[in-house]
Protein backbone atom coordinates (compact mmCIF):
# COMPACT_ATOMS: atom_id res chain seq x y z
CA MET A 1 -13.40 -4.71 12.25
CA ASN A 2 -9.81 -4.20 11.07
CA THR A 3 -7.08 -2.64 13.21
CA GLU A 4 -7.10 0.74 11.43
CA THR A 5 -10.87 1.14 11.81
CA LYS A 6 -10.76 0.08 15.47
CA PHE A 7 -7.88 2.48 16.13
CA LYS A 8 -9.71 5.42 14.52
CA GLU A 9 -12.83 4.62 16.53
CA LEU A 10 -10.91 4.41 19.81
CA TYR A 11 -8.97 7.59 19.08
CA ALA A 12 -12.15 9.51 18.22
CA ASN A 13 -13.87 8.24 21.36
CA GLY A 14 -10.84 9.10 23.50
CA MET A 15 -10.77 12.63 22.11
CA HIS A 16 -14.52 12.96 22.62
CA GLU A 17 -14.02 12.14 26.29
CA PHE A 18 -11.12 14.61 26.44
CA VAL A 19 -13.21 17.44 24.98
CA ASN A 20 -15.91 16.65 27.52
CA GLU A 21 -13.29 16.85 30.29
CA ASN A 22 -13.57 13.15 31.16
CA TYR A 23 -9.80 12.85 31.32
CA GLU A 24 -9.62 9.53 33.17
CA ARG A 25 -11.94 7.90 30.63
CA SER A 26 -10.02 9.55 27.80
CA ILE A 27 -6.77 8.03 29.08
CA GLU A 28 -8.36 4.58 29.34
CA ILE A 29 -9.59 4.69 25.75
CA LEU A 30 -6.41 6.24 24.34
CA THR A 31 -4.35 3.57 26.10
CA ARG A 32 -6.29 0.92 24.20
CA ALA A 33 -5.69 2.85 20.97
CA ALA A 34 -1.96 3.01 21.75
CA GLU A 35 -1.90 -0.77 22.12
CA LEU A 36 -3.15 -1.02 18.54
CA LYS A 37 -0.73 1.59 17.18
CA PRO A 38 2.25 2.00 19.50
CA ASP A 39 3.98 4.35 17.05
CA ASN A 40 1.20 6.92 16.74
CA LYS A 41 2.41 10.25 18.11
CA LEU A 42 -1.10 11.72 18.33
CA VAL A 43 -2.24 9.06 20.80
CA PHE A 44 0.69 9.70 23.11
CA VAL A 45 0.54 13.48 22.97
CA SER A 46 -3.23 13.31 23.57
CA LYS A 47 -2.79 10.99 26.56
CA GLY A 48 -0.05 13.27 27.83
CA ALA A 49 -2.38 16.26 27.57
CA ALA A 50 -5.07 14.37 29.54
CA TYR A 51 -2.55 13.47 32.24
CA LEU A 52 -1.46 17.12 32.33
CA LYS A 53 -5.08 18.21 32.86
CA LEU A 54 -5.19 15.83 35.85
CA ASP A 55 -1.84 17.15 37.18
CA ARG A 56 -0.38 13.66 36.83
CA LEU A 57 2.86 15.15 35.60
CA LYS A 58 5.04 12.03 35.69
CA GLU A 59 2.65 10.12 33.39
CA ALA A 60 2.21 13.21 31.20
CA LEU A 61 5.96 13.47 30.76
CA GLN A 62 6.27 9.77 29.90
CA ASP A 63 3.65 9.91 27.16
CA ILE A 64 4.84 13.22 25.72
CA ASN A 65 8.41 11.93 25.67
CA ARG A 66 7.13 8.87 23.80
CA ALA A 67 5.53 11.17 21.20
CA ILE A 68 8.88 12.96 20.80
CA GLU A 69 10.67 9.60 20.41
CA ILE A 70 8.25 8.76 17.60
CA ASP A 71 8.66 12.17 15.92
CA ASP A 72 11.35 14.49 17.24
CA ASN A 73 10.07 17.27 14.95
CA TYR A 74 6.62 17.41 16.55
CA ALA A 75 6.26 20.98 17.81
CA LYS A 76 3.10 20.35 19.83
CA ALA A 77 4.84 17.65 21.87
CA TYR A 78 7.66 20.02 22.81
CA HIS A 79 5.14 22.69 23.76
CA LEU A 80 3.20 20.29 25.99
CA ARG A 81 6.39 18.98 27.54
CA GLY A 82 7.35 22.57 28.27
CA LEU A 83 4.03 23.03 30.10
CA VAL A 84 4.77 19.93 32.18
CA HIS A 85 8.26 21.21 33.00
CA GLU A 86 6.84 24.59 33.97
CA LYS A 87 4.30 22.96 36.32
CA ASN A 88 7.15 20.97 37.84
CA GLY A 89 9.08 24.21 38.44
CA HIS A 90 11.74 23.33 35.85
CA ASN A 91 11.59 26.69 34.11
CA ALA A 92 14.85 26.38 32.17
CA ASP A 93 13.69 23.07 30.66
CA ALA A 94 10.29 24.61 29.91
CA LEU A 95 11.93 27.54 28.14
CA ASP A 96 14.06 25.15 26.07
CA ASP A 97 11.00 23.17 25.01
CA PHE A 98 8.91 26.25 24.15
CA THR A 99 11.82 27.56 22.08
CA ARG A 100 12.23 24.18 20.33
CA ALA A 101 8.51 24.16 19.48
CA ILE A 102 8.86 27.62 17.94
CA GLU A 103 11.96 26.58 15.98
CA LEU A 104 10.01 23.64 14.55
CA ASP A 105 6.89 25.71 13.80
CA PRO A 106 7.55 29.46 13.69
CA GLU A 107 3.82 30.14 13.39
CA TYR A 108 2.84 28.16 16.52
CA GLY A 109 1.22 30.97 18.51
CA ALA A 110 0.48 28.90 21.63
CA ALA A 111 4.20 28.21 22.11
CA TYR A 112 4.99 31.94 21.84
CA ASN A 113 2.26 32.65 24.39
CA SER A 114 3.64 30.06 26.83
CA ARG A 115 7.17 31.37 26.37
CA ALA A 116 6.03 34.98 26.87
CA THR A 117 4.24 33.97 30.08
CA LEU A 118 7.35 32.19 31.34
CA HIS A 119 9.59 35.13 30.41
CA THR A 120 7.26 37.42 32.38
CA LYS A 121 7.32 35.06 35.36
CA ARG A 122 11.12 35.08 35.25
CA GLY A 123 11.27 38.90 35.06
CA ASN A 124 12.32 39.06 31.39
CA GLU A 125 9.71 41.57 30.23
CA GLU A 126 11.67 42.58 27.13
CA LEU A 127 11.80 39.01 25.85
CA ALA A 128 8.13 38.55 26.74
CA MET A 129 7.25 41.64 24.68
CA GLU A 130 9.13 40.24 21.68
CA ASP A 131 7.01 37.08 21.84
CA ILE A 132 3.82 39.10 22.32
CA MET A 133 4.66 41.13 19.22
CA VAL A 134 5.05 37.89 17.24
CA ILE A 135 1.68 36.70 18.58
CA GLN A 136 0.07 39.97 17.44
CA HIS A 137 1.67 39.61 14.00
CA LEU A 138 0.45 36.02 13.67
CA THR A 139 -3.03 37.08 14.79
CA ASN A 140 -3.12 39.82 12.16
CA ILE A 141 -2.05 37.36 9.45
CA ASN A 142 -4.77 34.93 10.54
CA LEU A 143 -7.42 37.66 10.56
CA GLU A 144 -6.33 38.85 7.13
CA THR A 145 -6.43 35.30 5.77
CA PHE A 146 -9.89 34.79 7.25
CA ALA A 147 -11.12 38.06 5.76
CA ASN A 148 -9.72 37.17 2.32
CA GLU A 149 -11.29 33.71 2.43
CA ASN A 150 -14.59 35.25 3.51
CA ASP A 151 -14.42 37.73 0.59
CA VAL A 152 -13.80 34.86 -1.84
CA TRP A 153 -16.78 32.98 -0.41
CA ARG A 154 -18.96 36.10 -0.59
CA SER A 155 -18.02 36.81 -4.22
CA GLN A 156 -18.71 33.19 -5.18
CA GLN A 157 -22.05 33.35 -3.36
CA LEU A 158 -23.01 36.55 -5.21
CA ARG A 159 -22.04 35.00 -8.54
CA LEU A 160 -24.17 31.95 -7.75
CA GLU A 161 -27.12 34.16 -6.81
CA GLN A 162 -26.76 36.12 -10.07
CA MET A 163 -26.66 32.90 -12.09
CA MET A 164 -29.79 31.66 -10.33
CA GLU A 165 -31.60 34.95 -10.99
CA THR A 166 -30.65 34.76 -14.66
CA GLU A 167 -31.92 31.18 -14.88
CA LEU A 168 -35.15 32.05 -13.11
CA GLU A 169 -35.81 34.96 -15.50
CA ARG A 170 -35.72 32.62 -18.51
């Protein structure tokens, strides 16, 4: 088995364990994947997320920082690092990271939600409301997109059914 195939298998297995909340096992498998591809940001941010779930904040921060070293434009890594900072009580650093994630991906709703929560915790209700309004706007856009895609699917399905009826009548 070549390195790429082995890496993909390990990564998939590590994420399977993560989804099933087997965070220790996920970390073990993802560590092996990282040995095969030490410059893969997804492995490090995924390991960091598993460490965060286990409240092993020092290890989480190390892996998330590694993901940022690999790609300093990776919004998800900044968001996760902000969550680590917040758990550590470093609210100013958390706020900086949530804001950086939003700058990198202005449609990243989870970062707005985390920043709104932090603003509320810090007594900045007005700033929290601004973020909540953005979240509502993004939600509406997503719902509208979903509805439009569903309408396209429905119209294609009806057309297919009409074609089949026409063919069956022949």
